[in-house]
Amino acid sequence: MDGKKITPQELKAVWAKDLDQLAEKVADAINNAKLGNIINDSEEPVRDANAEFRQRTYQAGIDLLQTKQVQEAFSPSKDSANSEVEE
């Protein structure tokens, strides 16, 4: 993990779709709860949605980091590209 690190901006871009899905699930759980039982009816679906979001966001961060490391490991440098062409 020399010079390749992920940034908050990159994570936000990757997480955008998952965040939208989380918001939809939370809104649905709250909106579908019975009046007077909003917490009881929505707590478990919201907790499940957050658990899924947590797992997806962590996995997306790891995938992003691995992608950056692979690109760095296999990207030819300027000097090596020129010497290969000359040979």
PDB file of N, CA and C in Angstrom:
ATOM      1  N   MET A   1       0.839  -1.193   0.000  1.00  0.00           N
ATOM      2  CA  MET A   1       0.000   0.000   0.000  1.00  0.00           C
ATOM      3  C   MET A   1       0.875   1.243   0.000  1.00  0.00           C
ATOM      4  N   ASP A   2       1.829   1.262  -0.890  1.00  0.00           N
ATOM      5  CA  ASP A   2       2.769   2.374  -0.931  1.00  0.00           C
ATOM      6  C   ASP A   2       2.084   3.723  -1.078  1.00  0.00           C
ATOM      7  N   GLY A   3       1.869   4.148  -2.319  1.00  0.00           N
ATOM      8  CA  GLY A   3       1.326   5.470  -2.545  1.00  0.00           C
ATOM      9  C   GLY A   3      -0.136   5.489  -2.897  1.00  0.00           C
ATOM     10  N   LYS A   4      -0.725   4.345  -3.115  1.00  0.00           N
ATOM     11  CA  LYS A   4      -2.118   4.294  -3.552  1.00  0.00           C
ATOM     12  C   LYS A   4      -3.042   4.169  -2.358  1.00  0.00           C
ATOM     13  N   LYS A   5      -3.773   5.216  -2.096  1.00  0.00           N
ATOM     14  CA  LYS A   5      -4.752   5.230  -1.022  1.00  0.00           C
ATOM     15  C   LYS A   5      -6.084   5.688  -1.600  1.00  0.00           C
ATOM     16  N   ILE A   6      -7.151   5.263  -0.967  1.00  0.00           N
ATOM     17  CA  ILE A   6      -8.467   5.699  -1.413  1.00  0.00           C
ATOM     18  C   ILE A   6      -8.811   7.019  -0.741  1.00  0.00           C
ATOM     19  N   THR A   7      -9.645   7.784  -1.411  1.00  0.00           N
ATOM     20  CA  THR A   7     -10.044   9.089  -0.872  1.00  0.00           C
ATOM     21  C   THR A   7     -11.525   9.066  -0.487  1.00  0.00           C
ATOM     22  N   PRO A   8     -11.932   9.956   0.398  1.00  0.00           N
ATOM     23  CA  PRO A   8     -13.353  10.040   0.735  1.00  0.00           C
ATOM     24  C   PRO A   8     -14.220  10.331  -0.491  1.00  0.00           C
ATOM     25  N   GLN A   9     -13.727  11.118  -1.424  1.00  0.00           N
ATOM     26  CA  GLN A   9     -14.489  11.445  -2.622  1.00  0.00           C
ATOM     27  C   GLN A   9     -14.721  10.195  -3.476  1.00  0.00           C
ATOM     28  N   GLU A  10     -13.699   9.358  -3.593  1.00  0.00           N
ATOM     29  CA  GLU A  10     -13.850   8.110  -4.352  1.00  0.00           C
ATOM     30  C   GLU A  10     -14.874   7.197  -3.683  1.00  0.00           C
ATOM     31  N   LEU A  11     -14.809   7.115  -2.368  1.00  0.00           N
ATOM     32  CA  LEU A  11     -15.761   6.278  -1.636  1.00  0.00           C
ATOM     33  C   LEU A  11     -17.185   6.788  -1.809  1.00  0.00           C
ATOM     34  N   LYS A  12     -17.357   8.095  -1.733  1.00  0.00           N
ATOM     35  CA  LYS A  12     -18.695   8.667  -1.913  1.00  0.00           C
ATOM     36  C   LYS A  12     -19.256   8.318  -3.287  1.00  0.00           C
ATOM     37  N   ALA A  13     -18.419   8.381  -4.302  1.00  0.00           N
ATOM     38  CA  ALA A  13     -18.867   8.058  -5.654  1.00  0.00           C
ATOM     39  C   ALA A  13     -19.285   6.594  -5.754  1.00  0.00           C
ATOM     40  N   VAL A  14     -18.508   5.714  -5.139  1.00  0.00           N
ATOM     41  CA  VAL A  14     -18.809   4.287  -5.169  1.00  0.00           C
ATOM     42  C   VAL A  14     -20.044   3.966  -4.331  1.00  0.00           C
ATOM     43  N   TRP A  15     -20.230   4.669  -3.240  1.00  0.00           N
ATOM     44  CA  TRP A  15     -21.327   4.391  -2.303  1.00  0.00           C
ATOM     45  C   TRP A  15     -22.651   5.035  -2.712  1.00  0.00           C
ATOM     46  N   ALA A  16     -22.653   5.898  -3.679  1.00  0.00           N
ATOM     47  CA  ALA A  16     -23.855   6.672  -4.006  1.00  0.00           C
ATOM     48  C   ALA A  16     -25.070   5.781  -4.259  1.00  0.00           C
ATOM     49  N   LYS A  17     -24.914   4.754  -5.064  1.00  0.00           N
ATOM     50  CA  LYS A  17     -26.030   3.859  -5.383  1.00  0.00           C
ATOM     51  C   LYS A  17     -26.512   3.136  -4.120  1.00  0.00           C
ATOM     52  N   ASP A  18     -25.580   2.639  -3.325  1.00  0.00           N
ATOM     53  CA  ASP A  18     -25.950   1.926  -2.097  1.00  0.00           C
ATOM     54  C   ASP A  18     -26.620   2.855  -1.090  1.00  0.00           C
ATOM     55  N   LEU A  19     -26.190   4.088  -1.034  1.00  0.00           N
ATOM     56  CA  LEU A  19     -26.805   5.054  -0.129  1.00  0.00           C
ATOM     57  C   LEU A  19     -28.244   5.356  -0.556  1.00  0.00           C
ATOM     58  N   ASP A  20     -28.450   5.463  -1.856  1.00  0.00           N
ATOM     59  CA  ASP A  20     -29.815   5.676  -2.367  1.00  0.00           C
ATOM     60  C   ASP A  20     -30.717   4.501  -1.999  1.00  0.00           C
ATOM     61  N   GLN A  21     -30.196   3.287  -2.131  1.00  0.00           N
ATOM     62  CA  GLN A  21     -30.972   2.095  -1.785  1.00  0.00           C
ATOM     63  C   GLN A  21     -31.283   2.062  -0.293  1.00  0.00           C
ATOM     64  N   LEU A  22     -30.315   2.444   0.532  1.00  0.00           N
ATOM     65  CA  LEU A  22     -30.537   2.490   1.979  1.00  0.00           C
ATOM     66  C   LEU A  22     -31.643   3.484   2.308  1.00  0.00           C
ATOM     67  N   ALA A  23     -31.584   4.653   1.713  1.00  0.00           N
ATOM     68  CA  ALA A  23     -32.602   5.672   1.967  1.00  0.00           C
ATOM     69  C   ALA A  23     -33.984   5.175   1.564  1.00  0.00           C
ATOM     70  N   GLU A  24     -34.064   4.478   0.445  1.00  0.00           N
ATOM     71  CA  GLU A  24     -35.349   3.930  -0.001  1.00  0.00           C
ATOM     72  C   GLU A  24     -35.886   2.898   0.986  1.00  0.00           C
ATOM     73  N   LYS A  25     -35.015   2.010   1.459  1.00  0.00           N
ATOM     74  CA  LYS A  25     -35.439   0.966   2.393  1.00  0.00           C
ATOM     75  C   LYS A  25     -35.882   1.556   3.729  1.00  0.00           C
ATOM     76  N   VAL A  26     -35.158   2.551   4.209  1.00  0.00           N
ATOM     77  CA  VAL A  26     -35.522   3.187   5.484  1.00  0.00           C
ATOM     78  C   VAL A  26     -36.859   3.914   5.330  1.00  0.00           C
ATOM     79  N   ALA A  27     -36.998   4.654   4.250  1.00  0.00           N
ATOM     80  CA  ALA A  27     -38.256   5.379   4.016  1.00  0.00           C
ATOM     81  C   ALA A  27     -39.424   4.406   3.892  1.00  0.00           C
ATOM     82  N   ASP A  28     -39.222   3.317   3.154  1.00  0.00           N
ATOM     83  CA  ASP A  28     -40.287   2.319   3.006  1.00  0.00           C
ATOM     84  C   ASP A  28     -40.671   1.708   4.348  1.00  0.00           C
ATOM     85  N   ALA A  29     -39.669   1.364   5.149  1.00  0.00           N
ATOM     86  CA  ALA A  29     -39.945   0.746   6.450  1.00  0.00           C
ATOM     87  C   ALA A  29     -40.743   1.692   7.342  1.00  0.00           C
ATOM     88  N   ILE A  30     -40.361   2.948   7.363  1.00  0.00           N
ATOM     89  CA  ILE A  30     -41.058   3.923   8.208  1.00  0.00           C
ATOM     90  C   ILE A  30     -42.450   4.217   7.655  1.00  0.00           C
ATOM     91  N   ASN A  31     -42.548   4.389   6.352  1.00  0.00           N
ATOM     92  CA  ASN A  31     -43.839   4.705   5.739  1.00  0.00           C
ATOM     93  C   ASN A  31     -44.839   3.557   5.812  1.00  0.00           C
ATOM     94  N   ASN A  32     -44.353   2.325   5.851  1.00  0.00           N
ATOM     95  CA  ASN A  32     -45.240   1.162   5.899  1.00  0.00           C
ATOM     96  C   ASN A  32     -45.583   0.727   7.320  1.00  0.00           C
ATOM     97  N   ALA A  33     -44.997   1.381   8.301  1.00  0.00           N
ATOM     98  CA  ALA A  33     -45.291   1.045   9.697  1.00  0.00           C
ATOM     99  C   ALA A  33     -46.674   1.587  10.073  1.00  0.00           C
ATOM    100  N   LYS A  34     -47.304   0.880  10.987  1.00  0.00           N
ATOM    101  CA  LYS A  34     -48.625   1.317  11.460  1.00  0.00           C
ATOM    102  C   LYS A  34     -48.468   2.517  12.381  1.00  0.00           C
ATOM    103  N   LEU A  35     -49.413   3.427  12.303  1.00  0.00           N
ATOM    104  CA  LEU A  35     -49.399   4.577  13.214  1.00  0.00           C
ATOM    105  C   LEU A  35     -49.433   4.072  14.654  1.00  0.00           C
ATOM    106  N   GLY A  36     -48.612   4.662  15.462  1.00  0.00           N
ATOM    107  CA  GLY A  36     -48.521   4.246  16.855  1.00  0.00           C
ATOM    108  C   GLY A  36     -47.520   3.126  17.074  1.00  0.00           C
ATOM    109  N   ASN A  37     -47.073   2.491  15.995  1.00  0.00           N
ATOM    110  CA  ASN A  37     -46.083   1.409  16.090  1.00  0.00           C
ATOM    111  C   ASN A  37     -44.902   1.633  15.147  1.00  0.00           C
ATOM    112  N   ILE A  38     -44.620   2.869  14.863  1.00  0.00           N
ATOM    113  CA  ILE A  38     -43.580   3.169  13.871  1.00  0.00           C
ATOM    114  C   ILE A  38     -42.245   2.555  14.276  1.00  0.00           C
ATOM    115  N   ILE A  39     -41.838   2.720  15.505  1.00  0.00           N
ATOM    116  CA  ILE A  39     -40.542   2.182  15.929  1.00  0.00           C
ATOM    117  C   ILE A  39     -40.575   0.654  15.910  1.00  0.00           C
ATOM    118  N   ASN A  40     -41.598   0.072  16.511  1.00  0.00           N
ATOM    119  CA  ASN A  40     -41.681  -1.392  16.550  1.00  0.00           C
ATOM    120  C   ASN A  40     -41.754  -2.010  15.159  1.00  0.00           C
ATOM    121  N   ASP A  41     -42.508  -1.414  14.270  1.00  0.00           N
ATOM    122  CA  ASP A  41     -42.689  -1.976  12.931  1.00  0.00           C
ATOM    123  C   ASP A  41     -41.516  -1.719  11.990  1.00  0.00           C
ATOM    124  N   SER A  42     -40.772  -0.659  12.214  1.00  0.00           N
ATOM    125  CA  SER A  42     -39.710  -0.299  11.265  1.00  0.00           C
ATOM    126  C   SER A  42     -38.302  -0.590  11.780  1.00  0.00           C
ATOM    127  N   GLU A  43     -38.149  -0.814  13.070  1.00  0.00           N
ATOM    128  CA  GLU A  43     -36.806  -0.954  13.639  1.00  0.00           C
ATOM    129  C   GLU A  43     -36.003  -2.088  13.001  1.00  0.00           C
ATOM    130  N   GLU A  44     -36.589  -3.262  12.891  1.00  0.00           N
ATOM    131  CA  GLU A  44     -35.852  -4.401  12.342  1.00  0.00           C
ATOM    132  C   GLU A  44     -35.520  -4.230  10.863  1.00  0.00           C
ATOM    133  N   PRO A  45     -36.470  -3.810  10.015  1.00  0.00           N
ATOM    134  CA  PRO A  45     -36.108  -3.597   8.606  1.00  0.00           C
ATOM    135  C   PRO A  45     -35.030  -2.515   8.426  1.00  0.00           C
ATOM    136  N   VAL A  46     -35.077  -1.478   9.253  1.00  0.00           N
ATOM    137  CA  VAL A  46     -34.068  -0.418   9.160  1.00  0.00           C
ATOM    138  C   VAL A  46     -32.706  -0.948   9.616  1.00  0.00           C
ATOM    139  N   ARG A  47     -32.702  -1.727  10.684  1.00  0.00           N
ATOM    140  CA  ARG A  47     -31.446  -2.324  11.168  1.00  0.00           C
ATOM    141  C   ARG A  47     -30.862  -3.250  10.105  1.00  0.00           C
ATOM    142  N   ASP A  48     -31.708  -4.065   9.473  1.00  0.00           N
ATOM    143  CA  ASP A  48     -31.236  -4.964   8.417  1.00  0.00           C
ATOM    144  C   ASP A  48     -30.680  -4.184   7.223  1.00  0.00           C
ATOM    145  N   ALA A  49     -31.364  -3.117   6.846  1.00  0.00           N
ATOM    146  CA  ALA A  49     -30.901  -2.288   5.726  1.00  0.00           C
ATOM    147  C   ALA A  49     -29.549  -1.651   6.052  1.00  0.00           C
ATOM    148  N   ASN A  50     -29.385  -1.196   7.291  1.00  0.00           N
ATOM    149  CA  ASN A  50     -28.105  -0.616   7.699  1.00  0.00           C
ATOM    150  C   ASN A  50     -26.999  -1.654   7.735  1.00  0.00           C
ATOM    151  N   ALA A  51     -27.307  -2.858   8.155  1.00  0.00           N
ATOM    152  CA  ALA A  51     -26.300  -3.925   8.181  1.00  0.00           C
ATOM    153  C   ALA A  51     -25.845  -4.257   6.764  1.00  0.00           C
ATOM    154  N   GLU A  52     -26.791  -4.327   5.845  1.00  0.00           N
ATOM    155  CA  GLU A  52     -26.456  -4.599   4.452  1.00  0.00           C
ATOM    156  C   GLU A  52     -25.618  -3.459   3.869  1.00  0.00           C
ATOM    157  N   PHE A  53     -26.011  -2.222   4.181  1.00  0.00           N
ATOM    158  CA  PHE A  53     -25.257  -1.056   3.704  1.00  0.00           C
ATOM    159  C   PHE A  53     -23.837  -1.067   4.261  1.00  0.00           C
ATOM    160  N   ARG A  54     -23.701  -1.365   5.539  1.00  0.00           N
ATOM    161  CA  ARG A  54     -22.377  -1.408   6.173  1.00  0.00           C
ATOM    162  C   ARG A  54     -21.479  -2.423   5.470  1.00  0.00           C
ATOM    163  N   GLN A  55     -22.015  -3.607   5.201  1.00  0.00           N
ATOM    164  CA  GLN A  55     -21.231  -4.644   4.542  1.00  0.00           C
ATOM    165  C   GLN A  55     -20.843  -4.225   3.129  1.00  0.00           C
ATOM    166  N   ARG A  56     -21.804  -3.672   2.388  1.00  0.00           N
ATOM    167  CA  ARG A  56     -21.533  -3.248   1.010  1.00  0.00           C
ATOM    168  C   ARG A  56     -20.512  -2.110   0.948  1.00  0.00           C
ATOM    169  N   THR A  57     -20.614  -1.162   1.868  1.00  0.00           N
ATOM    170  CA  THR A  57     -19.697  -0.027   1.825  1.00  0.00           C
ATOM    171  C   THR A  57     -18.279  -0.451   2.173  1.00  0.00           C
ATOM    172  N   TYR A  58     -18.153  -1.342   3.129  1.00  0.00           N
ATOM    173  CA  TYR A  58     -16.824  -1.836   3.497  1.00  0.00           C
ATOM    174  C   TYR A  58     -16.227  -2.620   2.330  1.00  0.00           C
ATOM    175  N   GLN A  59     -17.029  -3.495   1.728  1.00  0.00           N
ATOM    176  CA  GLN A  59     -16.550  -4.287   0.594  1.00  0.00           C
ATOM    177  C   GLN A  59     -16.178  -3.385  -0.583  1.00  0.00           C
ATOM    178  N   ALA A  60     -16.963  -2.364  -0.834  1.00  0.00           N
ATOM    179  CA  ALA A  60     -16.668  -1.441  -1.930  1.00  0.00           C
ATOM    180  C   ALA A  60     -15.347  -0.710  -1.681  1.00  0.00           C
ATOM    181  N   GLY A  61     -15.094  -0.322  -0.439  1.00  0.00           N
ATOM    182  CA  GLY A  61     -13.831   0.331  -0.101  1.00  0.00           C
ATOM    183  C   GLY A  61     -12.643  -0.586  -0.321  1.00  0.00           C
ATOM    184  N   ILE A  62     -12.784  -1.840   0.098  1.00  0.00           N
ATOM    185  CA  ILE A  62     -11.707  -2.813  -0.105  1.00  0.00           C
ATOM    186  C   ILE A  62     -11.478  -3.050  -1.589  1.00  0.00           C
ATOM    187  N   ASP A  63     -12.572  -3.209  -2.346  1.00  0.00           N
ATOM    188  CA  ASP A  63     -12.453  -3.419  -3.793  1.00  0.00           C
ATOM    189  C   ASP A  63     -11.766  -2.243  -4.472  1.00  0.00           C
ATOM    190  N   LEU A  64     -12.112  -1.036  -4.070  1.00  0.00           N
ATOM    191  CA  LEU A  64     -11.500   0.163  -4.647  1.00  0.00           C
ATOM    192  C   LEU A  64     -10.001   0.182  -4.375  1.00  0.00           C
ATOM    193  N   LEU A  65      -9.624  -0.121  -3.157  1.00  0.00           N
ATOM    194  CA  LEU A  65      -8.205  -0.149  -2.798  1.00  0.00           C
ATOM    195  C   LEU A  65      -7.470  -1.219  -3.592  1.00  0.00           C
ATOM    196  N   GLN A  66      -8.056  -2.396  -3.707  1.00  0.00           N
ATOM    197  CA  GLN A  66      -7.416  -3.472  -4.461  1.00  0.00           C
ATOM    198  C   GLN A  66      -7.262  -3.096  -5.930  1.00  0.00           C
ATOM    199  N   THR A  67      -8.260  -2.461  -6.491  1.00  0.00           N
ATOM    200  CA  THR A  67      -8.186  -2.032  -7.884  1.00  0.00           C
ATOM    201  C   THR A  67      -7.033  -1.054  -8.078  1.00  0.00           C
ATOM    202  N   LYS A  68      -6.889  -0.119  -7.158  1.00  0.00           N
ATOM    203  CA  LYS A  68      -5.792   0.858  -7.262  1.00  0.00           C
ATOM    204  C   LYS A  68      -4.441   0.169  -7.145  1.00  0.00           C
ATOM    205  N   GLN A  69      -4.333  -0.797  -6.254  1.00  0.00           N
ATOM    206  CA  GLN A  69      -3.072  -1.506  -6.074  1.00  0.00           C
ATOM    207  C   GLN A  69      -2.722  -2.345  -7.295  1.00  0.00           C
ATOM    208  N   VAL A  70      -3.721  -2.990  -7.886  1.00  0.00           N
ATOM    209  CA  VAL A  70      -3.484  -3.799  -9.081  1.00  0.00           C
ATOM    210  C   VAL A  70      -3.056  -2.900 -10.233  1.00  0.00           C
ATOM    211  N   GLN A  71      -3.717  -1.764 -10.398  1.00  0.00           N
ATOM    212  CA  GLN A  71      -3.351  -0.844 -11.463  1.00  0.00           C
ATOM    213  C   GLN A  71      -1.916  -0.365 -11.286  1.00  0.00           C
ATOM    214  N   GLU A  72      -1.533  -0.082 -10.054  1.00  0.00           N
ATOM    215  CA  GLU A  72      -0.173   0.374  -9.780  1.00  0.00           C
ATOM    216  C   GLU A  72       0.834  -0.734 -10.055  1.00  0.00           C
ATOM    217  N   ALA A  73       0.502  -1.941  -9.667  1.00  0.00           N
ATOM    218  CA  ALA A  73       1.430  -3.062  -9.825  1.00  0.00           C
ATOM    219  C   ALA A  73       1.663  -3.416 -11.290  1.00  0.00           C
ATOM    220  N   PHE A  74       0.652  -3.228 -12.143  1.00  0.00           N
ATOM    221  CA  PHE A  74       0.769  -3.648 -13.530  1.00  0.00           C
ATOM    222  C   PHE A  74       0.897  -2.508 -14.523  1.00  0.00           C
ATOM    223  N   SER A  75       0.956  -1.280 -14.041  1.00  0.00           N
ATOM    224  CA  SER A  75       1.132  -0.146 -14.947  1.00  0.00           C
ATOM    225  C   SER A  75       2.601  -0.016 -15.299  1.00  0.00           C
ATOM    226  N   PRO A  76       2.906  -0.045 -16.570  1.00  0.00           N
ATOM    227  CA  PRO A  76       4.309   0.118 -16.953  1.00  0.00           C
ATOM    228  C   PRO A  76       4.755   1.561 -16.744  1.00  0.00           C
ATOM    229  N   SER A  77       5.966   1.712 -16.331  1.00  0.00           N
ATOM    230  CA  SER A  77       6.495   3.062 -16.161  1.00  0.00           C
ATOM    231  C   SER A  77       6.923   3.597 -17.525  1.00  0.00           C
ATOM    232  N   LYS A  78       7.123   4.895 -17.601  1.00  0.00           N
ATOM    233  CA  LYS A  78       7.525   5.515 -18.864  1.00  0.00           C
ATOM    234  C   LYS A  78       8.833   4.919 -19.377  1.00  0.00           C
ATOM    235  N   ASP A  79       9.801   4.786 -18.476  1.00  0.00           N
ATOM    236  CA  ASP A  79      11.129   4.309 -18.879  1.00  0.00           C
ATOM    237  C   ASP A  79      11.103   2.874 -19.388  1.00  0.00           C
ATOM    238  N   SER A  80      10.364   1.996 -18.705  1.00  0.00           N
ATOM    239  CA  SER A  80      10.341   0.604 -19.133  1.00  0.00           C
ATOM    240  C   SER A  80       9.618   0.445 -20.452  1.00  0.00           C
ATOM    241  N   ALA A  81       8.639   1.244 -20.739  1.00  0.00           N
ATOM    242  CA  ALA A  81       7.917   1.169 -22.007  1.00  0.00           C
ATOM    243  C   ALA A  81       8.824   1.556 -23.167  1.00  0.00           C
ATOM    244  N   ASN A  82       9.630   2.580 -22.972  1.00  0.00           N
ATOM    245  CA  ASN A  82      10.537   3.039 -24.041  1.00  0.00           C
ATOM    246  C   ASN A  82      11.629   2.016 -24.299  1.00  0.00           C
ATOM    247  N   SER A  83      12.174   1.411 -23.249  1.00  0.00           N
ATOM    248  CA  SER A  83      13.271   0.462 -23.446  1.00  0.00           C
ATOM    249  C   SER A  83      12.777  -0.809 -24.118  1.00  0.00           C
ATOM    250  N   GLU A  84      11.553  -1.239 -23.867  1.00  0.00           N
ATOM    251  CA  GLU A  84      11.005  -2.421 -24.497  1.00  0.00           C
ATOM    252  C   GLU A  84      10.779  -2.183 -25.993  1.00  0.00           C
ATOM    253  N   VAL A  85      10.330  -1.004 -26.351  1.00  0.00           N
ATOM    254  CA  VAL A  85      10.066  -0.685 -27.752  1.00  0.00           C
ATOM    255  C   VAL A  85      11.368  -0.629 -28.518  1.00  0.00           C
ATOM    256  N   GLU A  86      12.428  -0.085 -27.923  1.00  0.00           N
ATOM    257  CA  GLU A  86      13.716   0.029 -28.586  1.00  0.00           C
ATOM    258  C   GLU A  86      14.315  -1.330 -28.861  1.00  0.00           C
ATOM    259  N   GLU A  87      14.096  -2.289 -27.958  1.00  0.00           N
ATOM    260  CA  GLU A  87      14.674  -3.620 -28.151  1.00  0.00           C
ATOM    261  C   GLU A  87      13.935  -4.314 -29.238  1.00  0.00           C
TER     262      GLU A  87
END
